Amino acid sequence: MDLIESVMLCMLLGLVGASAMAYHADNEPRDVRLLVGLTTLWGAGTAVALVA
């Protein structure tokens, strides 16, 4: 695993944690959906980087 893949994986874990905290903190649903969408896109990019 290269450095960039490790950084992408750490960022993904941070985004997942932030999404979970935002959901449980009863933030605005629109903001939570935006964060979840960003997390999904980042996860897809991380998966592609790990496979390639």
PDB file of N, CA and C in Angstrom:
ATOM      1  N   MET A   1       0.846  -1.172   0.000  1.00  0.00           N
ATOM      2  CA  MET A   1       0.000   0.000   0.000  1.00  0.00           C
ATOM      3  C   MET A   1       0.892   1.236   0.000  1.00  0.00           C
ATOM      4  N   ASP A   2       0.625   2.110  -0.952  1.00  0.00           N
ATOM      5  CA  ASP A   2       1.397   3.339  -1.058  1.00  0.00           C
ATOM      6  C   ASP A   2       0.916   4.369  -0.046  1.00  0.00           C
ATOM      7  N   LEU A   3       1.678   5.445   0.060  1.00  0.00           N
ATOM      8  CA  LEU A   3       1.338   6.512   0.996  1.00  0.00           C
ATOM      9  C   LEU A   3       0.002   7.160   0.645  1.00  0.00           C
ATOM     10  N   ILE A   4      -0.235   7.424  -0.638  1.00  0.00           N
ATOM     11  CA  ILE A   4      -1.476   8.091  -1.040  1.00  0.00           C
ATOM     12  C   ILE A   4      -2.680   7.222  -0.705  1.00  0.00           C
ATOM     13  N   GLU A   5      -2.553   5.908  -0.861  1.00  0.00           N
ATOM     14  CA  GLU A   5      -3.655   5.013  -0.529  1.00  0.00           C
ATOM     15  C   GLU A   5      -3.909   5.000   0.977  1.00  0.00           C
ATOM     16  N   SER A   6      -2.851   5.067   1.751  1.00  0.00           N
ATOM     17  CA  SER A   6      -3.005   5.115   3.205  1.00  0.00           C
ATOM     18  C   SER A   6      -3.695   6.407   3.641  1.00  0.00           C
ATOM     19  N   VAL A   7      -3.316   7.506   3.024  1.00  0.00           N
ATOM     20  CA  VAL A   7      -3.935   8.792   3.348  1.00  0.00           C
ATOM     21  C   VAL A   7      -5.407   8.785   2.943  1.00  0.00           C
ATOM     22  N   MET A   8      -5.706   8.227   1.785  1.00  0.00           N
ATOM     23  CA  MET A   8      -7.096   8.158   1.332  1.00  0.00           C
ATOM     24  C   MET A   8      -7.931   7.297   2.269  1.00  0.00           C
ATOM     25  N   LEU A   9      -7.358   6.207   2.755  1.00  0.00           N
ATOM     26  CA  LEU A   9      -8.075   5.327   3.671  1.00  0.00           C
ATOM     27  C   LEU A   9      -8.320   6.016   5.013  1.00  0.00           C
ATOM     28  N   CYS A  10      -7.332   6.730   5.518  1.00  0.00           N
ATOM     29  CA  CYS A  10      -7.511   7.473   6.774  1.00  0.00           C
ATOM     30  C   CYS A  10      -8.565   8.564   6.614  1.00  0.00           C
ATOM     31  N   MET A  11      -8.560   9.246   5.479  1.00  0.00           N
ATOM     32  CA  MET A  11      -9.562  10.274   5.216  1.00  0.00           C
ATOM     33  C   MET A  11     -10.954   9.662   5.139  1.00  0.00           C
ATOM     34  N   LEU A  12     -11.059   8.488   4.531  1.00  0.00           N
ATOM     35  CA  LEU A  12     -12.345   7.803   4.445  1.00  0.00           C
ATOM     36  C   LEU A  12     -12.871   7.455   5.834  1.00  0.00           C
ATOM     37  N   LEU A  13     -12.008   6.963   6.689  1.00  0.00           N
ATOM     38  CA  LEU A  13     -12.430   6.631   8.050  1.00  0.00           C
ATOM     39  C   LEU A  13     -12.871   7.882   8.803  1.00  0.00           C
ATOM     40  N   GLY A  14     -12.180   8.989   8.597  1.00  0.00           N
ATOM     41  CA  GLY A  14     -12.575  10.247   9.220  1.00  0.00           C
ATOM     42  C   GLY A  14     -13.926  10.733   8.719  1.00  0.00           C
ATOM     43  N   LEU A  15     -14.168  10.600   7.419  1.00  0.00           N
ATOM     44  CA  LEU A  15     -15.450  11.011   6.861  1.00  0.00           C
ATOM     45  C   LEU A  15     -16.592  10.139   7.361  1.00  0.00           C
ATOM     46  N   VAL A  16     -16.336   8.845   7.486  1.00  0.00           N
ATOM     47  CA  VAL A  16     -17.364   7.941   8.019  1.00  0.00           C
ATOM     48  C   VAL A  16     -17.681   8.317   9.463  1.00  0.00           C
ATOM     49  N   GLY A  17     -16.651   8.574  10.243  1.00  0.00           N
ATOM     50  CA  GLY A  17     -16.871   8.988  11.632  1.00  0.00           C
ATOM     51  C   GLY A  17     -17.620  10.306  11.729  1.00  0.00           C
ATOM     52  N   ALA A  18     -17.260  11.266  10.888  1.00  0.00           N
ATOM     53  CA  ALA A  18     -17.938  12.565  10.896  1.00  0.00           C
ATOM     54  C   ALA A  18     -19.395  12.425  10.470  1.00  0.00           C
ATOM     55  N   SER A  19     -19.650  11.559   9.508  1.00  0.00           N
ATOM     56  CA  SER A  19     -21.029  11.330   9.070  1.00  0.00           C
ATOM     57  C   SER A  19     -21.858  10.723  10.191  1.00  0.00           C
ATOM     58  N   ALA A  20     -21.296   9.756  10.880  1.00  0.00           N
ATOM     59  CA  ALA A  20     -22.012   9.108  11.980  1.00  0.00           C
ATOM     60  C   ALA A  20     -22.278  10.100  13.112  1.00  0.00           C
ATOM     61  N   MET A  21     -21.285  10.907  13.445  1.00  0.00           N
ATOM     62  CA  MET A  21     -21.486  11.899  14.510  1.00  0.00           C
ATOM     63  C   MET A  21     -22.512  12.949  14.107  1.00  0.00           C
ATOM     64  N   ALA A  22     -22.498  13.384  12.858  1.00  0.00           N
ATOM     65  CA  ALA A  22     -23.464  14.375  12.389  1.00  0.00           C
ATOM     66  C   ALA A  22     -24.879  13.811  12.435  1.00  0.00           C
ATOM     67  N   TYR A  23     -25.020  12.551  12.085  1.00  0.00           N
ATOM     68  CA  TYR A  23     -26.341  11.920  12.120  1.00  0.00           C
ATOM     69  C   TYR A  23     -26.855  11.805  13.546  1.00  0.00           C
ATOM     70  N   HIS A  24     -26.004  11.363  14.454  1.00  0.00           N
ATOM     71  CA  HIS A  24     -26.422  11.162  15.839  1.00  0.00           C
ATOM     72  C   HIS A  24     -26.559  12.478  16.606  1.00  0.00           C
ATOM     73  N   ALA A  25     -25.967  13.556  16.118  1.00  0.00           N
ATOM     74  CA  ALA A  25     -26.079  14.850  16.767  1.00  0.00           C
ATOM     75  C   ALA A  25     -27.313  15.620  16.285  1.00  0.00           C
ATOM     76  N   ASP A  26     -28.118  14.984  15.461  1.00  0.00           N
ATOM     77  CA  ASP A  26     -29.347  15.589  14.925  1.00  0.00           C
ATOM     78  C   ASP A  26     -29.071  16.888  14.184  1.00  0.00           C
ATOM     79  N   ASN A  27     -28.054  16.870  13.344  1.00  0.00           N
ATOM     80  CA  ASN A  27     -27.789  18.025  12.479  1.00  0.00           C
ATOM     81  C   ASN A  27     -28.844  18.085  11.382  1.00  0.00           C
ATOM     82  N   GLU A  28     -28.803  19.154  10.598  1.00  0.00           N
ATOM     83  CA  GLU A  28     -29.753  19.308   9.500  1.00  0.00           C
ATOM     84  C   GLU A  28     -29.651  18.100   8.559  1.00  0.00           C
ATOM     85  N   PRO A  29     -30.780  17.501   8.194  1.00  0.00           N
ATOM     86  CA  PRO A  29     -30.749  16.337   7.293  1.00  0.00           C
ATOM     87  C   PRO A  29     -30.057  16.635   5.966  1.00  0.00           C
ATOM     88  N   ARG A  30     -30.212  17.859   5.467  1.00  0.00           N
ATOM     89  CA  ARG A  30     -29.567  18.228   4.202  1.00  0.00           C
ATOM     90  C   ARG A  30     -28.048  18.176   4.336  1.00  0.00           C
ATOM     91  N   ASP A  31     -27.531  18.651   5.471  1.00  0.00           N
ATOM     92  CA  ASP A  31     -26.092  18.644   5.701  1.00  0.00           C
ATOM     93  C   ASP A  31     -25.565  17.221   5.875  1.00  0.00           C
ATOM     94  N   VAL A  32     -26.345  16.396   6.558  1.00  0.00           N
ATOM     95  CA  VAL A  32     -25.927  15.005   6.758  1.00  0.00           C
ATOM     96  C   VAL A  32     -25.898  14.271   5.423  1.00  0.00           C
ATOM     97  N   ARG A  33     -26.915  14.507   4.580  1.00  0.00           N
ATOM     98  CA  ARG A  33     -26.934  13.855   3.263  1.00  0.00           C
ATOM     99  C   ARG A  33     -25.747  14.303   2.409  1.00  0.00           C
ATOM    100  N   LEU A  34     -25.398  15.580   2.503  1.00  0.00           N
ATOM    101  CA  LEU A  34     -24.247  16.084   1.763  1.00  0.00           C
ATOM    102  C   LEU A  34     -22.964  15.402   2.228  1.00  0.00           C
ATOM    103  N   LEU A  35     -22.807  15.258   3.527  1.00  0.00           N
ATOM    104  CA  LEU A  35     -21.618  14.600   4.073  1.00  0.00           C
ATOM    105  C   LEU A  35     -21.579  13.123   3.692  1.00  0.00           C
ATOM    106  N   VAL A  36     -22.726  12.464   3.718  1.00  0.00           N
ATOM    107  CA  VAL A  36     -22.787  11.055   3.321  1.00  0.00           C
ATOM    108  C   VAL A  36     -22.472  10.909   1.836  1.00  0.00           C
ATOM    109  N   GLY A  37     -22.956  11.830   1.017  1.00  0.00           N
ATOM    110  CA  GLY A  37     -22.642  11.795  -0.415  1.00  0.00           C
ATOM    111  C   GLY A  37     -21.154  11.973  -0.671  1.00  0.00           C
ATOM    112  N   LEU A  38     -20.542  12.905   0.038  1.00  0.00           N
ATOM    113  CA  LEU A  38     -19.102  13.112  -0.086  1.00  0.00           C
ATOM    114  C   LEU A  38     -18.336  11.866   0.359  1.00  0.00           C
ATOM    115  N   THR A  39     -18.791  11.260   1.441  1.00  0.00           N
ATOM    116  CA  THR A  39     -18.148  10.039   1.940  1.00  0.00           C
ATOM    117  C   THR A  39     -18.258   8.911   0.921  1.00  0.00           C
ATOM    118  N   THR A  40     -19.412   8.798   0.283  1.00  0.00           N
ATOM    119  CA  THR A  40     -19.617   7.763  -0.727  1.00  0.00           C
ATOM    120  C   THR A  40     -18.683   7.957  -1.917  1.00  0.00           C
ATOM    121  N   LEU A  41     -18.588   9.196  -2.384  1.00  0.00           N
ATOM    122  CA  LEU A  41     -17.691   9.467  -3.506  1.00  0.00           C
ATOM    123  C   LEU A  41     -16.231   9.212  -3.130  1.00  0.00           C
ATOM    124  N   TRP A  42     -15.844   9.633  -1.927  1.00  0.00           N
ATOM    125  CA  TRP A  42     -14.472   9.409  -1.483  1.00  0.00           C
ATOM    126  C   TRP A  42     -14.202   7.908  -1.337  1.00  0.00           C
ATOM    127  N   GLY A  43     -15.185   7.166  -0.849  1.00  0.00           N
ATOM    128  CA  GLY A  43     -15.034   5.718  -0.715  1.00  0.00           C
ATOM    129  C   GLY A  43     -14.866   5.035  -2.066  1.00  0.00           C
ATOM    130  N   ALA A  44     -15.618   5.502  -3.059  1.00  0.00           N
ATOM    131  CA  ALA A  44     -15.472   4.945  -4.409  1.00  0.00           C
ATOM    132  C   ALA A  44     -14.078   5.242  -4.964  1.00  0.00           C
ATOM    133  N   GLY A  45     -13.610   6.450  -4.754  1.00  0.00           N
ATOM    134  CA  GLY A  45     -12.263   6.798  -5.219  1.00  0.00           C
ATOM    135  C   GLY A  45     -11.192   6.012  -4.500  1.00  0.00           C
ATOM    136  N   THR A  46     -11.381   5.780  -3.219  1.00  0.00           N
ATOM    137  CA  THR A  46     -10.423   4.991  -2.453  1.00  0.00           C
ATOM    138  C   THR A  46     -10.411   3.538  -2.937  1.00  0.00           C
ATOM    139  N   ALA A  47     -11.591   2.994  -3.196  1.00  0.00           N
ATOM    140  CA  ALA A  47     -11.678   1.621  -3.700  1.00  0.00           C
ATOM    141  C   ALA A  47     -10.968   1.479  -5.034  1.00  0.00           C
ATOM    142  N   VAL A  48     -11.154   2.455  -5.898  1.00  0.00           N
ATOM    143  CA  VAL A  48     -10.487   2.410  -7.208  1.00  0.00           C
ATOM    144  C   VAL A  48      -8.976   2.502  -7.029  1.00  0.00           C
ATOM    145  N   ALA A  49      -8.533   3.348  -6.117  1.00  0.00           N
ATOM    146  CA  ALA A  49      -7.089   3.503  -5.895  1.00  0.00           C
ATOM    147  C   ALA A  49      -6.486   2.221  -5.318  1.00  0.00           C
ATOM    148  N   LEU A  50      -7.227   1.548  -4.464  1.00  0.00           N
ATOM    149  CA  LEU A  50      -6.706   0.314  -3.860  1.00  0.00           C
ATOM    150  C   LEU A  50      -6.684  -0.835  -4.856  1.00  0.00           C
ATOM    151  N   VAL A  51      -7.662  -0.882  -5.764  1.00  0.00           N
ATOM    152  CA  VAL A  51      -7.720  -1.971  -6.737  1.00  0.00           C
ATOM    153  C   VAL A  51      -6.700  -1.774  -7.857  1.00  0.00           C
ATOM    154  N   ALA A  52      -6.543  -0.533  -8.297  1.00  0.00           N
ATOM    155  CA  ALA A  52      -5.653  -0.260  -9.436  1.00  0.00           C
ATOM    156  C   ALA A  52      -4.192  -0.350  -9.048  1.00  0.00           C
TER     157      ALA A  52
END
